[in-house]
Amino acid sequence: MHAAVPLTSLLYVSSATRHIPPDELATILAKSRLKNTSLGVTGMLLHKDGNFMQVLEGEAPAVRQLFDTIGRDPRHAGVLVLRHVEQPAREFAEWSMAFTDLNDPAARAVPGYSEFLNTPLTGLEFTANPTIGQKLLLTFKRNLKLRPGA
């Protein structure tokens, strides 16, 4: 009998090295979803003003492989891991990669939205208390109405 490979959750923030137009972001997201599905990785991505917060979850080797690829991507700078833990179950099991653009006015209608979200996603608030990032993602998960491309 094979031992189960532990599930891991990795939460990070990064900044784009250049402006990424919405159509290019959509293309990147579509490719990411395909790759994540093939690796068995689920998660959620938030975007605001060229900054990203993402949680990746899955078997540890797959998450590490994907995160290493992200770290080498020249479109990212300031990649900072906020939280990397083993967990018994997925929190975003239903999504290969859910996405929310926090610049979208509809994001303000999400219950639990806070003006705190107008601070940079790479702010000290997250590095001082990384669980706040997880809480932010989970708030959007609970309230996200999946629409085409979400």
N, C-alpha and C. Protein backbone atom coordinates (compact mmCIF):
# COMPACT_ATOMS: atom_id res chain seq x y z
N MET A 1 0.84 -1.17 0.00
CA MET A 1 0.00 0.00 0.00
C MET A 1 0.89 1.24 0.00
N HIS A 2 0.58 2.21 -0.86
CA HIS A 2 1.37 3.43 -0.98
C HIS A 2 0.92 4.45 0.06
N ALA A 3 1.91 5.14 0.61
CA ALA A 3 1.58 6.22 1.54
C ALA A 3 1.02 7.40 0.76
N ALA A 4 0.03 8.05 1.34
CA ALA A 4 -0.58 9.21 0.68
C ALA A 4 0.43 10.36 0.63
N VAL A 5 0.47 11.03 -0.49
CA VAL A 5 1.32 12.21 -0.62
C VAL A 5 0.58 13.36 0.07
N PRO A 6 1.25 14.05 0.99
CA PRO A 6 0.54 15.11 1.71
C PRO A 6 0.11 16.25 0.81
N LEU A 7 -1.01 16.85 1.16
CA LEU A 7 -1.46 18.06 0.47
C LEU A 7 -0.73 19.25 1.08
N THR A 8 -0.40 20.20 0.24
CA THR A 8 0.26 21.40 0.71
C THR A 8 -0.49 22.61 0.17
N SER A 9 -0.41 23.69 0.90
CA SER A 9 -0.99 24.96 0.49
C SER A 9 0.11 26.00 0.54
N LEU A 10 0.29 26.70 -0.57
CA LEU A 10 1.32 27.73 -0.66
C LEU A 10 0.65 29.04 -1.06
N LEU A 11 0.78 30.04 -0.23
CA LEU A 11 0.22 31.36 -0.47
C LEU A 11 1.37 32.33 -0.70
N TYR A 12 1.32 33.05 -1.82
CA TYR A 12 2.39 34.01 -2.12
C TYR A 12 1.80 35.28 -2.71
N VAL A 13 2.63 36.32 -2.69
CA VAL A 13 2.32 37.57 -3.37
C VAL A 13 3.46 37.87 -4.33
N SER A 14 3.14 38.61 -5.37
CA SER A 14 4.15 39.07 -6.32
C SER A 14 3.64 40.30 -7.04
N SER A 15 4.53 40.93 -7.76
CA SER A 15 4.17 42.10 -8.57
C SER A 15 4.56 41.85 -10.01
N ALA A 16 3.74 42.37 -10.91
CA ALA A 16 4.06 42.28 -12.34
C ALA A 16 5.22 43.21 -12.65
N THR A 17 6.09 42.79 -13.55
CA THR A 17 7.22 43.62 -13.94
C THR A 17 6.82 44.66 -14.99
N ARG A 18 5.61 44.50 -15.53
CA ARG A 18 5.09 45.45 -16.52
C ARG A 18 3.57 45.38 -16.48
N HIS A 19 2.93 46.36 -17.10
CA HIS A 19 1.47 46.34 -17.19
C HIS A 19 1.04 45.15 -18.04
N ILE A 20 0.08 44.40 -17.55
CA ILE A 20 -0.46 43.26 -18.29
C ILE A 20 -1.90 43.60 -18.66
N PRO A 21 -2.17 43.82 -19.96
CA PRO A 21 -3.53 44.16 -20.39
C PRO A 21 -4.50 43.03 -20.06
N PRO A 22 -5.78 43.36 -19.86
CA PRO A 22 -6.78 42.34 -19.49
C PRO A 22 -6.83 41.14 -20.43
N ASP A 23 -6.69 41.36 -21.75
CA ASP A 23 -6.76 40.23 -22.67
C ASP A 23 -5.56 39.29 -22.49
N GLU A 24 -4.40 39.85 -22.23
CA GLU A 24 -3.21 39.02 -21.98
C GLU A 24 -3.36 38.28 -20.65
N LEU A 25 -3.89 38.95 -19.66
CA LEU A 25 -4.13 38.31 -18.36
C LEU A 25 -5.09 37.14 -18.52
N ALA A 26 -6.11 37.31 -19.33
CA ALA A 26 -7.08 36.23 -19.58
C ALA A 26 -6.41 35.03 -20.26
N THR A 27 -5.51 35.30 -21.19
CA THR A 27 -4.78 34.23 -21.88
C THR A 27 -3.87 33.48 -20.90
N ILE A 28 -3.16 34.23 -20.08
CA ILE A 28 -2.29 33.62 -19.06
C ILE A 28 -3.12 32.75 -18.12
N LEU A 29 -4.26 33.27 -17.71
CA LEU A 29 -5.14 32.55 -16.79
C LEU A 29 -5.64 31.25 -17.42
N ALA A 30 -6.03 31.29 -18.67
CA ALA A 30 -6.52 30.09 -19.36
C ALA A 30 -5.43 29.02 -19.43
N LYS A 31 -4.21 29.43 -19.77
CA LYS A 31 -3.08 28.48 -19.82
C LYS A 31 -2.77 27.93 -18.43
N SER A 32 -2.85 28.79 -17.43
CA SER A 32 -2.58 28.36 -16.05
C SER A 32 -3.59 27.33 -15.60
N ARG A 33 -4.85 27.55 -15.94
CA ARG A 33 -5.89 26.60 -15.54
C ARG A 33 -5.64 25.22 -16.15
N LEU A 34 -5.23 25.19 -17.42
CA LEU A 34 -4.93 23.90 -18.06
C LEU A 34 -3.76 23.21 -17.37
N LYS A 35 -2.71 23.97 -17.10
CA LYS A 35 -1.53 23.40 -16.45
C LYS A 35 -1.87 22.93 -15.04
N ASN A 36 -2.62 23.75 -14.30
CA ASN A 36 -2.99 23.39 -12.93
C ASN A 36 -3.80 22.10 -12.92
N THR A 37 -4.73 21.97 -13.86
CA THR A 37 -5.54 20.77 -13.94
C THR A 37 -4.67 19.55 -14.19
N SER A 38 -3.71 19.68 -15.10
CA SER A 38 -2.84 18.55 -15.41
C SER A 38 -1.96 18.16 -14.23
N LEU A 39 -1.63 19.13 -13.37
CA LEU A 39 -0.80 18.86 -12.19
C LEU A 39 -1.62 18.50 -10.95
N GLY A 40 -2.95 18.62 -11.05
CA GLY A 40 -3.79 18.36 -9.89
C GLY A 40 -3.71 19.48 -8.86
N VAL A 41 -3.45 20.71 -9.32
CA VAL A 41 -3.33 21.87 -8.43
C VAL A 41 -4.59 22.70 -8.53
N THR A 42 -5.10 23.12 -7.38
CA THR A 42 -6.25 24.01 -7.31
C THR A 42 -5.83 25.29 -6.59
N GLY A 43 -6.71 26.29 -6.59
CA GLY A 43 -6.37 27.51 -5.88
C GLY A 43 -7.18 28.70 -6.32
N MET A 44 -6.67 29.86 -5.94
CA MET A 44 -7.33 31.11 -6.26
C MET A 44 -6.29 32.19 -6.47
N LEU A 45 -6.59 33.13 -7.37
CA LEU A 45 -5.70 34.22 -7.70
C LEU A 45 -6.46 35.54 -7.58
N LEU A 46 -5.89 36.48 -6.82
CA LEU A 46 -6.43 37.83 -6.75
C LEU A 46 -5.45 38.76 -7.44
N HIS A 47 -5.97 39.75 -8.15
CA HIS A 47 -5.14 40.72 -8.87
C HIS A 47 -5.61 42.12 -8.54
N LYS A 48 -4.66 43.03 -8.30
CA LYS A 48 -4.99 44.42 -8.06
C LYS A 48 -3.79 45.27 -8.43
N ASP A 49 -4.00 46.19 -9.34
CA ASP A 49 -2.97 47.17 -9.70
C ASP A 49 -1.61 46.54 -9.98
N GLY A 50 -1.60 45.43 -10.70
CA GLY A 50 -0.34 44.79 -11.05
C GLY A 50 0.26 43.93 -9.96
N ASN A 51 -0.46 43.76 -8.86
CA ASN A 51 -0.01 42.90 -7.77
C ASN A 51 -0.90 41.67 -7.73
N PHE A 52 -0.30 40.55 -7.35
CA PHE A 52 -1.01 39.28 -7.31
C PHE A 52 -0.90 38.66 -5.93
N MET A 53 -1.96 37.97 -5.53
CA MET A 53 -1.94 37.10 -4.37
C MET A 53 -2.54 35.80 -4.85
N GLN A 54 -1.84 34.71 -4.60
CA GLN A 54 -2.32 33.43 -5.10
C GLN A 54 -2.09 32.35 -4.06
N VAL A 55 -3.04 31.44 -3.97
CA VAL A 55 -2.86 30.23 -3.18
C VAL A 55 -2.87 29.07 -4.17
N LEU A 56 -1.89 28.20 -4.01
CA LEU A 56 -1.79 26.97 -4.78
C LEU A 56 -1.91 25.82 -3.80
N GLU A 57 -2.71 24.82 -4.14
CA GLU A 57 -2.83 23.68 -3.25
C GLU A 57 -2.87 22.40 -4.05
N GLY A 58 -2.27 21.38 -3.49
CA GLY A 58 -2.20 20.09 -4.15
C GLY A 58 -1.11 19.25 -3.51
N GLU A 59 -0.72 18.19 -4.19
CA GLU A 59 0.37 17.38 -3.68
C GLU A 59 1.64 18.21 -3.70
N ALA A 60 2.44 18.07 -2.66
CA ALA A 60 3.62 18.91 -2.45
C ALA A 60 4.54 18.99 -3.68
N PRO A 61 4.88 17.88 -4.34
CA PRO A 61 5.78 18.00 -5.50
C PRO A 61 5.19 18.85 -6.64
N ALA A 62 3.89 18.72 -6.87
CA ALA A 62 3.25 19.48 -7.95
C ALA A 62 3.20 20.97 -7.61
N VAL A 63 2.89 21.30 -6.37
CA VAL A 63 2.84 22.70 -5.96
C VAL A 63 4.23 23.30 -6.05
N ARG A 64 5.25 22.56 -5.59
CA ARG A 64 6.63 23.06 -5.65
C ARG A 64 7.03 23.29 -7.11
N GLN A 65 6.72 22.35 -8.00
CA GLN A 65 7.06 22.49 -9.42
C GLN A 65 6.42 23.74 -10.01
N LEU A 66 5.15 23.92 -9.73
CA LEU A 66 4.43 25.08 -10.26
C LEU A 66 4.99 26.38 -9.69
N PHE A 67 5.24 26.41 -8.39
CA PHE A 67 5.77 27.62 -7.77
C PHE A 67 7.17 27.94 -8.28
N ASP A 68 7.99 26.93 -8.53
CA ASP A 68 9.32 27.16 -9.09
C ASP A 68 9.21 27.80 -10.47
N THR A 69 8.25 27.34 -11.27
CA THR A 69 8.01 27.93 -12.60
C THR A 69 7.60 29.39 -12.46
N ILE A 70 6.71 29.67 -11.53
CA ILE A 70 6.26 31.06 -11.29
C ILE A 70 7.44 31.92 -10.89
N GLY A 71 8.28 31.41 -10.00
CA GLY A 71 9.45 32.16 -9.53
C GLY A 71 10.43 32.52 -10.63
N ARG A 72 10.49 31.67 -11.66
CA ARG A 72 11.40 31.94 -12.79
C ARG A 72 10.76 32.80 -13.88
N ASP A 73 9.47 33.02 -13.80
CA ASP A 73 8.74 33.78 -14.83
C ASP A 73 9.17 35.25 -14.76
N PRO A 74 9.72 35.79 -15.85
CA PRO A 74 10.20 37.17 -15.82
C PRO A 74 9.08 38.21 -15.69
N ARG A 75 7.82 37.79 -15.77
CA ARG A 75 6.71 38.72 -15.58
C ARG A 75 6.44 39.00 -14.11
N HIS A 76 7.07 38.23 -13.20
CA HIS A 76 6.89 38.39 -11.75
C HIS A 76 8.13 38.99 -11.13
N ALA A 77 7.93 39.83 -10.14
CA ALA A 77 9.02 40.36 -9.31
C ALA A 77 8.54 40.36 -7.87
N GLY A 78 9.47 40.36 -6.95
CA GLY A 78 9.11 40.44 -5.54
C GLY A 78 8.24 39.30 -5.07
N VAL A 79 8.51 38.09 -5.58
CA VAL A 79 7.73 36.93 -5.16
C VAL A 79 8.06 36.65 -3.69
N LEU A 80 7.02 36.61 -2.87
CA LEU A 80 7.19 36.44 -1.43
C LEU A 80 6.20 35.40 -0.92
N VAL A 81 6.70 34.32 -0.35
CA VAL A 81 5.84 33.29 0.23
C VAL A 81 5.35 33.78 1.58
N LEU A 82 4.03 33.82 1.75
CA LEU A 82 3.44 34.24 3.02
C LEU A 82 3.12 33.05 3.92
N ARG A 83 2.78 31.94 3.30
CA ARG A 83 2.34 30.78 4.07
C ARG A 83 2.58 29.54 3.23
N HIS A 84 3.18 28.51 3.82
CA HIS A 84 3.40 27.25 3.15
C HIS A 84 3.22 26.16 4.19
N VAL A 85 2.09 25.45 4.13
CA VAL A 85 1.74 24.48 5.16
C VAL A 85 1.17 23.21 4.55
N GLU A 86 1.31 22.11 5.29
CA GLU A 86 0.57 20.90 4.94
C GLU A 86 -0.84 21.08 5.47
N GLN A 87 -1.80 20.50 4.76
CA GLN A 87 -3.18 20.59 5.22
C GLN A 87 -3.91 19.30 4.88
N PRO A 88 -4.93 18.96 5.65
CA PRO A 88 -5.61 17.68 5.44
C PRO A 88 -6.54 17.66 4.23
N ALA A 89 -7.02 18.82 3.80
CA ALA A 89 -7.98 18.87 2.68
C ALA A 89 -7.80 20.18 1.92
N ARG A 90 -8.26 20.19 0.69
CA ARG A 90 -8.20 21.39 -0.14
C ARG A 90 -9.26 22.40 0.31
N GLU A 91 -8.91 23.67 0.25
CA GLU A 91 -9.87 24.74 0.52
C GLU A 91 -10.48 25.26 -0.76
N PHE A 92 -9.85 25.00 -1.91
CA PHE A 92 -10.31 25.49 -3.21
C PHE A 92 -10.44 24.33 -4.20
N ALA A 93 -10.96 23.22 -3.71
CA ALA A 93 -11.00 21.98 -4.51
C ALA A 93 -11.78 22.13 -5.82
N GLU A 94 -12.75 23.02 -5.85
CA GLU A 94 -13.61 23.11 -7.04
C GLU A 94 -13.03 23.96 -8.16
N TRP A 95 -11.85 24.56 -7.94
CA TRP A 95 -11.30 25.46 -8.95
C TRP A 95 -9.88 25.09 -9.35
N SER A 96 -9.64 24.97 -10.67
CA SER A 96 -8.26 24.84 -11.12
C SER A 96 -7.53 26.15 -10.86
N MET A 97 -8.26 27.27 -10.93
CA MET A 97 -7.74 28.57 -10.50
C MET A 97 -8.85 29.60 -10.62
N ALA A 98 -9.49 29.88 -9.49
CA ALA A 98 -10.49 30.95 -9.47
C ALA A 98 -9.74 32.28 -9.57
N PHE A 99 -10.37 33.29 -10.14
CA PHE A 99 -9.70 34.57 -10.35
C PHE A 99 -10.65 35.71 -10.02
N THR A 100 -10.14 36.70 -9.32
CA THR A 100 -10.87 37.92 -9.07
C THR A 100 -9.94 39.10 -9.27
N ASP A 101 -10.39 40.06 -10.04
CA ASP A 101 -9.65 41.31 -10.23
C ASP A 101 -10.21 42.31 -9.23
N LEU A 102 -9.41 42.67 -8.24
CA LEU A 102 -9.89 43.55 -7.18
C LEU A 102 -10.07 44.99 -7.65
N ASN A 103 -9.65 45.30 -8.89
CA ASN A 103 -9.92 46.62 -9.46
C ASN A 103 -11.32 46.69 -10.04
N ASP A 104 -11.96 45.54 -10.23
CA ASP A 104 -13.30 45.48 -10.79
C ASP A 104 -14.29 46.04 -9.77
N PRO A 105 -15.11 47.01 -10.17
CA PRO A 105 -16.09 47.57 -9.21
C PRO A 105 -16.99 46.51 -8.58
N ALA A 106 -17.22 45.42 -9.28
CA ALA A 106 -18.07 44.36 -8.71
C ALA A 106 -17.42 43.73 -7.48
N ALA A 107 -16.10 43.81 -7.36
CA ALA A 107 -15.43 43.25 -6.19
C ALA A 107 -15.87 43.96 -4.92
N ARG A 108 -16.19 45.25 -5.05
CA ARG A 108 -16.63 46.01 -3.87
C ARG A 108 -17.97 45.52 -3.34
N ALA A 109 -18.74 44.82 -4.16
CA ALA A 109 -20.04 44.33 -3.74
C ALA A 109 -19.94 43.01 -2.98
N VAL A 110 -18.76 42.42 -2.94
CA VAL A 110 -18.58 41.15 -2.25
C VAL A 110 -18.72 41.36 -0.75
N PRO A 111 -19.63 40.61 -0.09
CA PRO A 111 -19.73 40.74 1.36
C PRO A 111 -18.37 40.46 2.00
N GLY A 112 -17.98 41.32 2.90
CA GLY A 112 -16.68 41.18 3.54
C GLY A 112 -15.61 42.04 2.89
N TYR A 113 -15.94 42.70 1.76
CA TYR A 113 -14.97 43.60 1.13
C TYR A 113 -14.59 44.68 2.12
N SER A 114 -13.34 45.05 2.10
CA SER A 114 -12.85 46.07 3.02
C SER A 114 -11.94 47.02 2.27
N GLU A 115 -11.92 48.26 2.67
CA GLU A 115 -11.00 49.22 2.07
C GLU A 115 -9.55 48.82 2.30
N PHE A 116 -9.35 47.89 3.24
CA PHE A 116 -8.03 47.31 3.44
C PHE A 116 -7.48 46.78 2.12
N LEU A 117 -8.39 46.37 1.23
CA LEU A 117 -7.96 45.82 -0.05
C LEU A 117 -7.35 46.88 -0.95
N ASN A 118 -7.46 48.14 -0.58
CA ASN A 118 -6.83 49.20 -1.37
C ASN A 118 -5.37 49.39 -1.01
N THR A 119 -4.87 48.60 -0.05
CA THR A 119 -3.44 48.62 0.23
C THR A 119 -2.78 47.63 -0.73
N PRO A 120 -1.50 47.80 -1.01
CA PRO A 120 -0.84 46.86 -1.92
C PRO A 120 -0.91 45.43 -1.38
N LEU A 121 -1.12 44.48 -2.27
CA LEU A 121 -1.18 43.09 -1.86
C LEU A 121 0.15 42.61 -1.29
N THR A 122 1.21 43.36 -1.54
CA THR A 122 2.51 42.99 -1.02
C THR A 122 2.82 43.75 0.26
N GLY A 123 1.84 44.41 0.84
CA GLY A 123 2.03 45.27 2.00
C GLY A 123 2.49 44.53 3.25
N LEU A 124 3.00 45.30 4.19
CA LEU A 124 3.47 44.75 5.45
C LEU A 124 2.37 44.04 6.23
N GLU A 125 1.13 44.43 5.97
CA GLU A 125 0.02 43.79 6.66
C GLU A 125 0.04 42.28 6.42
N PHE A 126 0.42 41.87 5.22
CA PHE A 126 0.44 40.46 4.89
C PHE A 126 1.68 39.77 5.43
N THR A 127 2.83 40.42 5.35
CA THR A 127 4.04 39.77 5.84
C THR A 127 4.04 39.68 7.37
N ALA A 128 3.42 40.64 8.04
CA ALA A 128 3.35 40.61 9.49
C ALA A 128 2.33 39.58 9.97
N ASN A 129 1.29 39.34 9.19
CA ASN A 129 0.24 38.41 9.58
C ASN A 129 -0.21 37.65 8.34
N PRO A 130 0.55 36.62 7.93
CA PRO A 130 0.22 35.93 6.67
C PRO A 130 -1.15 35.28 6.65
N THR A 131 -1.72 34.97 7.80
CA THR A 131 -3.04 34.34 7.77
C THR A 131 -4.10 35.30 7.28
N ILE A 132 -3.83 36.60 7.31
CA ILE A 132 -4.80 37.56 6.79
C ILE A 132 -4.97 37.36 5.28
N GLY A 133 -3.90 36.97 4.59
CA GLY A 133 -4.00 36.67 3.16
C GLY A 133 -4.90 35.48 2.91
N GLN A 134 -4.76 34.44 3.72
CA GLN A 134 -5.61 33.27 3.58
C GLN A 134 -7.07 33.65 3.86
N LYS A 135 -7.29 34.46 4.88
CA LYS A 135 -8.66 34.91 5.20
C LYS A 135 -9.25 35.71 4.04
N LEU A 136 -8.43 36.55 3.42
CA LEU A 136 -8.88 37.34 2.27
C LEU A 136 -9.32 36.42 1.14
N LEU A 137 -8.49 35.45 0.80
CA LEU A 137 -8.84 34.53 -0.27
C LEU A 137 -10.10 33.73 0.07
N LEU A 138 -10.21 33.28 1.30
CA LEU A 138 -11.39 32.52 1.69
C LEU A 138 -12.66 33.36 1.68
N THR A 139 -12.54 34.65 2.00
CA THR A 139 -13.70 35.55 1.91
C THR A 139 -14.19 35.62 0.49
N PHE A 140 -13.27 35.77 -0.46
CA PHE A 140 -13.68 35.82 -1.87
C PHE A 140 -14.20 34.48 -2.33
N LYS A 141 -13.63 33.39 -1.83
CA LYS A 141 -14.12 32.07 -2.22
C LYS A 141 -15.59 31.92 -1.80
N ARG A 142 -15.90 32.28 -0.56
CA ARG A 142 -17.26 32.13 -0.06
C ARG A 142 -18.25 32.98 -0.84
N ASN A 143 -17.81 34.09 -1.36
CA ASN A 143 -18.73 35.04 -1.97
C ASN A 143 -18.63 35.15 -3.48
N LEU A 144 -17.72 34.42 -4.07
CA LEU A 144 -17.50 34.50 -5.52
C LEU A 144 -18.64 33.84 -6.26
N LYS A 145 -19.27 34.59 -7.11
CA LYS A 145 -20.27 34.05 -8.02
C LYS A 145 -19.51 33.78 -9.32
N LEU A 146 -19.29 32.52 -9.60
CA LEU A 146 -18.50 32.19 -10.78
C LEU A 146 -19.22 32.66 -12.03
N ARG A 147 -18.55 33.49 -12.77
CA ARG A 147 -19.06 33.99 -14.02
C ARG A 147 -18.10 33.52 -15.11
N PRO A 148 -18.45 33.64 -16.35
CA PRO A 148 -17.55 33.18 -17.41
C PRO A 148 -16.16 33.75 -17.19
N GLY A 149 -15.19 32.86 -17.19
CA GLY A 149 -13.81 33.27 -17.01
C GLY A 149 -13.39 33.40 -15.55
N ALA A 150 -14.31 33.24 -14.62
CA ALA A 150 -13.96 33.34 -13.19
C ALA A 150 -13.36 32.04 -12.71
